Amino acid sequence: MTEERITETTDSAGNTHTTHTVVSDGANRSGGTNWAIILLVLVVAIVGIFFLSQMNNAEVAKDNAIAGAADQVGNAAGQVGEAAQNAGNAVEDAVAN
């Protein structure tokens, strides 16, 4: 409960002085609003961390896919080089005989 007290005093010269005093019997009660806000902020933080980690996993998967494709291109280039070498050797053998 809050109570406001107003006190007026007059001195001998006729000057009036007014004093305002507010008296409260305890702390303000928020009815759990603070806990609800804290819980909401915590849930939002957890969801944010989850989505950031999922985005990071997607980036890693994309990087791995690109590395795999580059490896396959490198292997294909190696096979083309071997085929060209074999064709060159076959031509040399055909001309020599």
PDB file of N, CA and C in Angstrom:
ATOM      1  N   MET A   1       0.838  -1.166   0.000  1.00  0.00           N
ATOM      2  CA  MET A   1       0.000   0.000   0.000  1.00  0.00           C
ATOM      3  C   MET A   1       0.888   1.236   0.000  1.00  0.00           C
ATOM      4  N   THR A   2       0.498   2.240  -0.767  1.00  0.00           N
ATOM      5  CA  THR A   2       1.249   3.487  -0.850  1.00  0.00           C
ATOM      6  C   THR A   2       0.397   4.598  -0.276  1.00  0.00           C
ATOM      7  N   GLU A   3       1.041   5.417   0.511  1.00  0.00           N
ATOM      8  CA  GLU A   3       0.331   6.526   1.160  1.00  0.00           C
ATOM      9  C   GLU A   3       1.106   7.815   0.932  1.00  0.00           C
ATOM     10  N   GLU A   4       0.390   8.883   0.589  1.00  0.00           N
ATOM     11  CA  GLU A   4       1.021  10.186   0.387  1.00  0.00           C
ATOM     12  C   GLU A   4       0.631  11.071   1.562  1.00  0.00           C
ATOM     13  N   ARG A   5       1.617  11.689   2.175  1.00  0.00           N
ATOM     14  CA  ARG A   5       1.375  12.590   3.317  1.00  0.00           C
ATOM     15  C   ARG A   5       1.829  13.990   2.938  1.00  0.00           C
ATOM     16  N   ILE A   6       0.938  14.950   3.132  1.00  0.00           N
ATOM     17  CA  ILE A   6       1.252  16.353   2.850  1.00  0.00           C
ATOM     18  C   ILE A   6       1.184  17.108   4.178  1.00  0.00           C
ATOM     19  N   THR A   7       2.290  17.790   4.497  1.00  0.00           N
ATOM     20  CA  THR A   7       2.364  18.541   5.753  1.00  0.00           C
ATOM     21  C   THR A   7       2.610  20.009   5.428  1.00  0.00           C
ATOM     22  N   GLU A   8       1.737  20.880   5.985  1.00  0.00           N
ATOM     23  CA  GLU A   8       1.918  22.319   5.796  1.00  0.00           C
ATOM     24  C   GLU A   8       2.257  22.948   7.150  1.00  0.00           C
ATOM     25  N   THR A   9       3.297  23.739   7.150  1.00  0.00           N
ATOM     26  CA  THR A   9       3.683  24.452   8.382  1.00  0.00           C
ATOM     27  C   THR A   9       3.836  25.931   8.060  1.00  0.00           C
ATOM     28  N   THR A  10       3.479  26.758   9.028  1.00  0.00           N
ATOM     29  CA  THR A  10       3.614  28.207   8.886  1.00  0.00           C
ATOM     30  C   THR A  10       4.532  28.705   9.989  1.00  0.00           C
ATOM     31  N   ASP A  11       5.545  29.436   9.593  1.00  0.00           N
ATOM     32  CA  ASP A  11       6.470  29.968  10.610  1.00  0.00           C
ATOM     33  C   ASP A  11       5.936  31.293  11.156  1.00  0.00           C
ATOM     34  N   SER A  12       6.667  31.889  12.092  1.00  0.00           N
ATOM     35  CA  SER A  12       6.204  33.107  12.776  1.00  0.00           C
ATOM     36  C   SER A  12       6.131  34.312  11.841  1.00  0.00           C
ATOM     37  N   ALA A  13       6.857  34.274  10.720  1.00  0.00           N
ATOM     38  CA  ALA A  13       6.824  35.386   9.776  1.00  0.00           C
ATOM     39  C   ALA A  13       5.651  35.245   8.805  1.00  0.00           C
ATOM     40  N   GLY A  14       4.916  34.135   8.859  1.00  0.00           N
ATOM     41  CA  GLY A  14       3.773  33.935   7.992  1.00  0.00           C
ATOM     42  C   GLY A  14       4.079  33.159   6.726  1.00  0.00           C
ATOM     43  N   ASN A  15       5.288  32.669   6.597  1.00  0.00           N
ATOM     44  CA  ASN A  15       5.662  31.870   5.428  1.00  0.00           C
ATOM     45  C   ASN A  15       5.146  30.442   5.590  1.00  0.00           C
ATOM     46  N   THR A  16       4.531  29.903   4.544  1.00  0.00           N
ATOM     47  CA  THR A  16       3.983  28.541   4.580  1.00  0.00           C
ATOM     48  C   THR A  16       4.928  27.612   3.827  1.00  0.00           C
ATOM     49  N   HIS A  17       5.236  26.501   4.470  1.00  0.00           N
ATOM     50  CA  HIS A  17       6.102  25.472   3.874  1.00  0.00           C
ATOM     51  C   HIS A  17       5.295  24.183   3.756  1.00  0.00           C
ATOM     52  N   THR A  18       5.371  23.562   2.582  1.00  0.00           N
ATOM     53  CA  THR A  18       4.637  22.317   2.341  1.00  0.00           C
ATOM     54  C   THR A  18       5.648  21.194   2.103  1.00  0.00           C
ATOM     55  N   THR A  19       5.423  20.065   2.757  1.00  0.00           N
ATOM     56  CA  THR A  19       6.275  18.887   2.612  1.00  0.00           C
ATOM     57  C   THR A  19       5.424  17.732   2.106  1.00  0.00           C
ATOM     58  N   HIS A  20       5.899  17.068   1.030  1.00  0.00           N
ATOM     59  CA  HIS A  20       5.220  15.880   0.491  1.00  0.00           C
ATOM     60  C   HIS A  20       6.050  14.658   0.851  1.00  0.00           C
ATOM     61  N   THR A  21       5.416  13.662   1.436  1.00  0.00           N
ATOM     62  CA  THR A  21       6.087  12.419   1.797  1.00  0.00           C
ATOM     63  C   THR A  21       5.272  11.258   1.238  1.00  0.00           C
ATOM     64  N   VAL A  22       5.937  10.330   0.537  1.00  0.00           N
ATOM     65  CA  VAL A  22       5.281   9.131   0.013  1.00  0.00           C
ATOM     66  C   VAL A  22       5.816   7.937   0.784  1.00  0.00           C
ATOM     67  N   VAL A  23       4.904   7.160   1.374  1.00  0.00           N
ATOM     68  CA  VAL A  23       5.284   6.004   2.165  1.00  0.00           C
ATOM     69  C   VAL A  23       4.770   4.755   1.453  1.00  0.00           C
ATOM     70  N   SER A  24       5.684   3.789   1.204  1.00  0.00           N
ATOM     71  CA  SER A  24       5.325   2.527   0.568  1.00  0.00           C
ATOM     72  C   SER A  24       5.667   1.400   1.520  1.00  0.00           C
ATOM     73  N   ASP A  25       4.829   0.353   1.549  1.00  0.00           N
ATOM     74  CA  ASP A  25       5.039  -0.726   2.502  1.00  0.00           C
ATOM     75  C   ASP A  25       5.861  -1.888   1.957  1.00  0.00           C
ATOM     76  N   GLY A  26       6.365  -1.804   0.741  1.00  0.00           N
ATOM     77  CA  GLY A  26       7.187  -2.908   0.234  1.00  0.00           C
ATOM     78  C   GLY A  26       7.552  -2.694  -1.225  1.00  0.00           C
ATOM     79  N   ALA A  27       8.198  -3.707  -1.786  1.00  0.00           N
ATOM     80  CA  ALA A  27       8.651  -3.633  -3.168  1.00  0.00           C
ATOM     81  C   ALA A  27       7.472  -3.801  -4.120  1.00  0.00           C
ATOM     82  N   ASN A  28       7.653  -3.289  -5.325  1.00  0.00           N
ATOM     83  CA  ASN A  28       6.630  -3.457  -6.342  1.00  0.00           C
ATOM     84  C   ASN A  28       6.563  -4.914  -6.756  1.00  0.00           C
ATOM     85  N   ARG A  29       5.370  -5.395  -6.956  1.00  0.00           N
ATOM     86  CA  ARG A  29       5.194  -6.775  -7.394  1.00  0.00           C
ATOM     87  C   ARG A  29       4.757  -6.746  -8.845  1.00  0.00           C
ATOM     88  N   SER A  30       5.480  -7.505  -9.670  1.00  0.00           N
ATOM     89  CA  SER A  30       5.205  -7.458 -11.097  1.00  0.00           C
ATOM     90  C   SER A  30       4.311  -8.610 -11.546  1.00  0.00           C
ATOM     91  N   GLY A  31       3.963  -9.512 -10.663  1.00  0.00           N
ATOM     92  CA  GLY A  31       3.085 -10.611 -11.037  1.00  0.00           C
ATOM     93  C   GLY A  31       3.734 -11.620 -11.974  1.00  0.00           C
ATOM     94  N   GLY A  32       5.032 -11.738 -11.952  1.00  0.00           N
ATOM     95  CA  GLY A  32       5.725 -12.705 -12.791  1.00  0.00           C
ATOM     96  C   GLY A  32       6.110 -12.170 -14.156  1.00  0.00           C
ATOM     97  N   THR A  33       5.858 -10.911 -14.422  1.00  0.00           N
ATOM     98  CA  THR A  33       6.189 -10.346 -15.727  1.00  0.00           C
ATOM     99  C   THR A  33       7.687 -10.402 -15.980  1.00  0.00           C
ATOM    100  N   ASN A  34       8.483 -10.136 -14.975  1.00  0.00           N
ATOM    101  CA  ASN A  34       9.944 -10.191 -15.158  1.00  0.00           C
ATOM    102  C   ASN A  34      10.387 -11.598 -15.541  1.00  0.00           C
ATOM    103  N   TRP A  35       9.812 -12.605 -14.885  1.00  0.00           N
ATOM    104  CA  TRP A  35      10.185 -13.986 -15.213  1.00  0.00           C
ATOM    105  C   TRP A  35       9.763 -14.344 -16.631  1.00  0.00           C
ATOM    106  N   ALA A  36       8.606 -13.870 -17.041  1.00  0.00           N
ATOM    107  CA  ALA A  36       8.147 -14.153 -18.405  1.00  0.00           C
ATOM    108  C   ALA A  36       9.070 -13.516 -19.435  1.00  0.00           C
ATOM    109  N   ILE A  37       9.516 -12.304 -19.187  1.00  0.00           N
ATOM    110  CA  ILE A  37      10.427 -11.619 -20.112  1.00  0.00           C
ATOM    111  C   ILE A  37      11.767 -12.343 -20.166  1.00  0.00           C
ATOM    112  N   ILE A  38      12.278 -12.744 -19.013  1.00  0.00           N
ATOM    113  CA  ILE A  38      13.551 -13.477 -18.972  1.00  0.00           C
ATOM    114  C   ILE A  38      13.428 -14.792 -19.732  1.00  0.00           C
ATOM    115  N   LEU A  39      12.328 -15.493 -19.531  1.00  0.00           N
ATOM    116  CA  LEU A  39      12.112 -16.762 -20.225  1.00  0.00           C
ATOM    117  C   LEU A  39      11.999 -16.544 -21.731  1.00  0.00           C
ATOM    118  N   LEU A  40      11.307 -15.509 -22.147  1.00  0.00           N
ATOM    119  CA  LEU A  40      11.164 -15.205 -23.559  1.00  0.00           C
ATOM    120  C   LEU A  40      12.518 -14.892 -24.201  1.00  0.00           C
ATOM    121  N   VAL A  41      13.335 -14.095 -23.530  1.00  0.00           N
ATOM    122  CA  VAL A  41      14.666 -13.766 -24.048  1.00  0.00           C
ATOM    123  C   VAL A  41      15.519 -15.027 -24.149  1.00  0.00           C
ATOM    124  N   LEU A  42      15.417 -15.900 -23.175  1.00  0.00           N
ATOM    125  CA  LEU A  42      16.181 -17.147 -23.188  1.00  0.00           C
ATOM    126  C   LEU A  42      15.755 -18.042 -24.358  1.00  0.00           C
ATOM    127  N   VAL A  43      14.463 -18.159 -24.595  1.00  0.00           N
ATOM    128  CA  VAL A  43      13.967 -18.974 -25.706  1.00  0.00           C
ATOM    129  C   VAL A  43      14.426 -18.396 -27.038  1.00  0.00           C
ATOM    130  N   VAL A  44      14.348 -17.084 -27.189  1.00  0.00           N
ATOM    131  CA  VAL A  44      14.793 -16.446 -28.430  1.00  0.00           C
ATOM    132  C   VAL A  44      16.283 -16.687 -28.647  1.00  0.00           C
ATOM    133  N   ALA A  45      17.084 -16.614 -27.581  1.00  0.00           N
ATOM    134  CA  ALA A  45      18.524 -16.858 -27.702  1.00  0.00           C
ATOM    135  C   ALA A  45      18.798 -18.305 -28.133  1.00  0.00           C
ATOM    136  N   ILE A  46      18.084 -19.249 -27.563  1.00  0.00           N
ATOM    137  CA  ILE A  46      18.294 -20.665 -27.911  1.00  0.00           C
ATOM    138  C   ILE A  46      17.913 -20.919 -29.364  1.00  0.00           C
ATOM    139  N   VAL A  47      16.787 -20.355 -29.796  1.00  0.00           N
ATOM    140  CA  VAL A  47      16.361 -20.528 -31.186  1.00  0.00           C
ATOM    141  C   VAL A  47      17.378 -19.895 -32.137  1.00  0.00           C
ATOM    142  N   GLY A  48      17.893 -18.723 -31.778  1.00  0.00           N
ATOM    143  CA  GLY A  48      18.898 -18.063 -32.603  1.00  0.00           C
ATOM    144  C   GLY A  48      20.168 -18.889 -32.732  1.00  0.00           C
ATOM    145  N   ILE A  49      20.620 -19.453 -31.631  1.00  0.00           N
ATOM    146  CA  ILE A  49      21.817 -20.300 -31.653  1.00  0.00           C
ATOM    147  C   ILE A  49      21.575 -21.533 -32.517  1.00  0.00           C
ATOM    148  N   PHE A  50      20.373 -22.123 -32.418  1.00  0.00           N
ATOM    149  CA  PHE A  50      20.044 -23.304 -33.224  1.00  0.00           C
ATOM    150  C   PHE A  50      20.115 -22.976 -34.712  1.00  0.00           C
ATOM    151  N   PHE A  51      19.493 -21.870 -35.126  1.00  0.00           N
ATOM    152  CA  PHE A  51      19.504 -21.513 -36.544  1.00  0.00           C
ATOM    153  C   PHE A  51      20.903 -21.163 -37.034  1.00  0.00           C
ATOM    154  N   LEU A  52      21.700 -20.508 -36.212  1.00  0.00           N
ATOM    155  CA  LEU A  52      23.075 -20.204 -36.619  1.00  0.00           C
ATOM    156  C   LEU A  52      23.889 -21.480 -36.805  1.00  0.00           C
ATOM    157  N   SER A  53      23.682 -22.454 -35.925  1.00  0.00           N
ATOM    158  CA  SER A  53      24.426 -23.709 -36.062  1.00  0.00           C
ATOM    159  C   SER A  53      23.960 -24.468 -37.302  1.00  0.00           C
ATOM    160  N   GLN A  54      22.669 -24.407 -37.626  1.00  0.00           N
ATOM    161  CA  GLN A  54      22.171 -25.070 -38.830  1.00  0.00           C
ATOM    162  C   GLN A  54      22.745 -24.409 -40.083  1.00  0.00           C
ATOM    163  N   MET A  55      22.827 -23.087 -40.075  1.00  0.00           N
ATOM    164  CA  MET A  55      23.413 -22.389 -41.216  1.00  0.00           C
ATOM    165  C   MET A  55      24.881 -22.757 -41.362  1.00  0.00           C
ATOM    166  N   ASN A  56      25.582 -22.898 -40.253  1.00  0.00           N
ATOM    167  CA  ASN A  56      26.989 -23.288 -40.293  1.00  0.00           C
ATOM    168  C   ASN A  56      27.139 -24.684 -40.859  1.00  0.00           C
ATOM    169  N   ASN A  57      26.251 -25.610 -40.456  1.00  0.00           N
ATOM    170  CA  ASN A  57      26.301 -26.973 -40.989  1.00  0.00           C
ATOM    171  C   ASN A  57      26.032 -26.982 -42.485  1.00  0.00           C
ATOM    172  N   ALA A  58      25.137 -26.138 -42.955  1.00  0.00           N
ATOM    173  CA  ALA A  58      24.848 -26.054 -44.387  1.00  0.00           C
ATOM    174  C   ALA A  58      26.073 -25.547 -45.146  1.00  0.00           C
ATOM    175  N   GLU A  59      26.783 -24.582 -44.585  1.00  0.00           N
ATOM    176  CA  GLU A  59      28.000 -24.070 -45.221  1.00  0.00           C
ATOM    177  C   GLU A  59      29.060 -25.168 -45.309  1.00  0.00           C
ATOM    178  N   VAL A  60      29.202 -25.957 -44.264  1.00  0.00           N
ATOM    179  CA  VAL A  60      30.180 -27.047 -44.262  1.00  0.00           C
ATOM    180  C   VAL A  60      29.805 -28.078 -45.318  1.00  0.00           C
ATOM    181  N   ALA A  61      28.516 -28.417 -45.410  1.00  0.00           N
ATOM    182  CA  ALA A  61      28.068 -29.395 -46.408  1.00  0.00           C
ATOM    183  C   ALA A  61      28.327 -28.872 -47.821  1.00  0.00           C
ATOM    184  N   LYS A  62      28.071 -27.577 -48.030  1.00  0.00           N
ATOM    185  CA  LYS A  62      28.318 -26.996 -49.351  1.00  0.00           C
ATOM    186  C   LYS A  62      29.806 -27.035 -49.678  1.00  0.00           C
ATOM    187  N   ASP A  63      30.641 -26.686 -48.714  1.00  0.00           N
ATOM    188  CA  ASP A  63      32.090 -26.721 -48.936  1.00  0.00           C
ATOM    189  C   ASP A  63      32.571 -28.140 -49.239  1.00  0.00           C
ATOM    190  N   ASN A  64      32.022 -29.126 -48.524  1.00  0.00           N
ATOM    191  CA  ASN A  64      32.404 -30.517 -48.779  1.00  0.00           C
ATOM    192  C   ASN A  64      31.970 -30.966 -50.175  1.00  0.00           C
ATOM    193  N   ALA A  65      30.776 -30.531 -50.604  1.00  0.00           N
ATOM    194  CA  ALA A  65      30.301 -30.897 -51.945  1.00  0.00           C
ATOM    195  C   ALA A  65      31.192 -30.282 -53.022  1.00  0.00           C
ATOM    196  N   ILE A  66      31.600 -29.061 -52.827  1.00  0.00           N
ATOM    197  CA  ILE A  66      32.481 -28.393 -53.799  1.00  0.00           C
ATOM    198  C   ILE A  66      33.835 -29.094 -53.848  1.00  0.00           C
ATOM    199  N   ALA A  67      34.357 -29.471 -52.693  1.00  0.00           N
ATOM    200  CA  ALA A  67      35.644 -30.170 -52.654  1.00  0.00           C
ATOM    201  C   ALA A  67      35.547 -31.530 -53.343  1.00  0.00           C
ATOM    202  N   GLY A  68      34.421 -32.233 -53.143  1.00  0.00           N
ATOM    203  CA  GLY A  68      34.227 -33.528 -53.803  1.00  0.00           C
ATOM    204  C   GLY A  68      34.148 -33.375 -55.324  1.00  0.00           C
ATOM    205  N   ALA A  69      33.436 -32.341 -55.770  1.00  0.00           N
ATOM    206  CA  ALA A  69      33.323 -32.103 -57.212  1.00  0.00           C
ATOM    207  C   ALA A  69      34.679 -31.755 -57.811  1.00  0.00           C
ATOM    208  N   ALA A  70      35.444 -30.951 -57.111  1.00  0.00           N
ATOM    209  CA  ALA A  70      36.779 -30.587 -57.603  1.00  0.00           C
ATOM    210  C   ALA A  70      37.675 -31.825 -57.672  1.00  0.00           C
ATOM    211  N   ASP A  71      37.533 -32.725 -56.719  1.00  0.00           N
ATOM    212  CA  ASP A  71      38.324 -33.962 -56.734  1.00  0.00           C
ATOM    213  C   ASP A  71      37.942 -34.830 -57.941  1.00  0.00           C
ATOM    214  N   GLN A  72      36.644 -34.895 -58.231  1.00  0.00           N
ATOM    215  CA  GLN A  72      36.192 -35.680 -59.381  1.00  0.00           C
ATOM    216  C   GLN A  72      36.680 -35.074 -60.695  1.00  0.00           C
ATOM    217  N   VAL A  73      36.679 -33.760 -60.782  1.00  0.00           N
ATOM    218  CA  VAL A  73      37.196 -33.091 -61.983  1.00  0.00           C
ATOM    219  C   VAL A  73      38.678 -33.390 -62.146  1.00  0.00           C
ATOM    220  N   GLY A  74      39.410 -33.374 -61.039  1.00  0.00           N
ATOM    221  CA  GLY A  74      40.838 -33.695 -61.090  1.00  0.00           C
ATOM    222  C   GLY A  74      41.079 -35.121 -61.547  1.00  0.00           C
ATOM    223  N   ASN A  75      40.274 -36.058 -61.053  1.00  0.00           N
ATOM    224  CA  ASN A  75      40.406 -37.459 -61.480  1.00  0.00           C
ATOM    225  C   ASN A  75      40.085 -37.611 -62.963  1.00  0.00           C
ATOM    226  N   ALA A  76      39.047 -36.929 -63.435  1.00  0.00           N
ATOM    227  CA  ALA A  76      38.678 -37.001 -64.854  1.00  0.00           C
ATOM    228  C   ALA A  76      39.791 -36.435 -65.723  1.00  0.00           C
ATOM    229  N   ALA A  77      40.406 -35.361 -65.298  1.00  0.00           N
ATOM    230  CA  ALA A  77      41.512 -34.777 -66.063  1.00  0.00           C
ATOM    231  C   ALA A  77      42.686 -35.752 -66.123  1.00  0.00           C
ATOM    232  N   GLY A  78      42.926 -36.439 -65.024  1.00  0.00           N
ATOM    233  CA  GLY A  78      43.992 -37.441 -65.015  1.00  0.00           C
ATOM    234  C   GLY A  78      43.710 -38.575 -65.983  1.00  0.00           C
ATOM    235  N   GLN A  79      42.447 -39.008 -66.042  1.00  0.00           N
ATOM    236  CA  GLN A  79      42.079 -40.082 -66.970  1.00  0.00           C
ATOM    237  C   GLN A  79      42.216 -39.630 -68.426  1.00  0.00           C
ATOM    238  N   VAL A  80      41.843 -38.385 -68.703  1.00  0.00           N
ATOM    239  CA  VAL A  80      41.999 -37.855 -70.067  1.00  0.00           C
ATOM    240  C   VAL A  80      43.477 -37.818 -70.437  1.00  0.00           C
ATOM    241  N   GLY A  81      44.317 -37.418 -69.505  1.00  0.00           N
ATOM    242  CA  GLY A  81      45.760 -37.390 -69.765  1.00  0.00           C
ATOM    243  C   GLY A  81      46.309 -38.769 -70.053  1.00  0.00           C
ATOM    244  N   GLU A  82      45.857 -39.776 -69.278  1.00  0.00           N
ATOM    245  CA  GLU A  82      46.309 -41.155 -69.511  1.00  0.00           C
ATOM    246  C   GLU A  82      45.824 -41.665 -70.871  1.00  0.00           C
ATOM    247  N   ALA A  83      44.582 -41.337 -71.223  1.00  0.00           N
ATOM    248  CA  ALA A  83      44.046 -41.777 -72.521  1.00  0.00           C
ATOM    249  C   ALA A  83      44.832 -41.139 -73.664  1.00  0.00           C
ATOM    250  N   ALA A  84      45.190 -39.874 -73.527  1.00  0.00           N
ATOM    251  CA  ALA A  84      45.976 -39.205 -74.560  1.00  0.00           C
ATOM    252  C   ALA A  84      47.357 -39.846 -74.675  1.00  0.00           C
ATOM    253  N   GLN A  85      47.952 -40.187 -73.545  1.00  0.00           N
ATOM    254  CA  GLN A  85      49.260 -40.852 -73.552  1.00  0.00           C
ATOM    255  C   GLN A  85      49.171 -42.205 -74.247  1.00  0.00           C
ATOM    256  N   ASN A  86      48.127 -42.963 -73.912  1.00  0.00           N
ATOM    257  CA  ASN A  86      47.939 -44.284 -74.541  1.00  0.00           C
ATOM    258  C   ASN A  86      47.713 -44.143 -76.047  1.00  0.00           C
ATOM    259  N   ALA A  87      46.937 -43.142 -76.459  1.00  0.00           N
ATOM    260  CA  ALA A  87      46.703 -42.926 -77.886  1.00  0.00           C
ATOM    261  C   ALA A  87      48.002 -42.546 -78.589  1.00  0.00           C
ATOM    262  N   GLY A  88      48.804 -41.711 -77.944  1.00  0.00           N
ATOM    263  CA  GLY A  88      50.103 -41.349 -78.522  1.00  0.00           C
ATOM    264  C   GLY A  88      51.004 -42.553 -78.666  1.00  0.00           C
ATOM    265  N   ASN A  89      51.039 -43.419 -77.647  1.00  0.00           N
ATOM    266  CA  ASN A  89      51.860 -44.626 -77.723  1.00  0.00           C
ATOM    267  C   ASN A  89      51.366 -45.565 -78.838  1.00  0.00           C
ATOM    268  N   ALA A  90      50.041 -45.667 -78.985  1.00  0.00           N
ATOM    269  CA  ALA A  90      49.484 -46.527 -80.030  1.00  0.00           C
ATOM    270  C   ALA A  90      49.865 -45.995 -81.407  1.00  0.00           C
ATOM    271  N   VAL A  91      49.853 -44.682 -81.585  1.00  0.00           N
ATOM    272  CA  VAL A  91      50.236 -44.106 -82.881  1.00  0.00           C
ATOM    273  C   VAL A  91      51.713 -44.370 -83.154  1.00  0.00           C
ATOM    274  N   GLU A  92      52.574 -44.219 -82.153  1.00  0.00           N
ATOM    275  CA  GLU A  92      53.999 -44.488 -82.328  1.00  0.00           C
ATOM    276  C   GLU A  92      54.230 -45.944 -82.700  1.00  0.00           C
ATOM    277  N   ASP A  93      53.516 -46.867 -82.033  1.00  0.00           N
ATOM    278  CA  ASP A  93      53.676 -48.292 -82.335  1.00  0.00           C
ATOM    279  C   ASP A  93      53.212 -48.603 -83.752  1.00  0.00           C
ATOM    280  N   ALA A  94      52.125 -47.959 -84.193  1.00  0.00           N
ATOM    281  CA  ALA A  94      51.583 -48.228 -85.549  1.00  0.00           C
ATOM    282  C   ALA A  94      52.542 -47.695 -86.623  1.00  0.00           C
ATOM    283  N   VAL A  95      53.163 -46.559 -86.346  1.00  0.00           N
ATOM    284  CA  VAL A  95      54.092 -45.960 -87.343  1.00  0.00           C
ATOM    285  C   VAL A  95      55.380 -46.779 -87.356  1.00  0.00           C
ATOM    286  N   ALA A  96      55.844 -47.263 -86.227  1.00  0.00           N
ATOM    287  CA  ALA A  96      57.098 -47.985 -86.143  1.00  0.00           C
ATOM    288  C   ALA A  96      56.999 -49.362 -86.786  1.00  0.00           C
ATOM    289  N   ASN A  97      55.849 -49.970 -86.859  1.00  0.00           N
ATOM    290  CA  ASN A  97      55.705 -51.326 -87.415  1.00  0.00           C
ATOM    291  C   ASN A  97      55.376 -51.258 -88.823  1.00  0.00           C
TER     292      ASN A  97
END
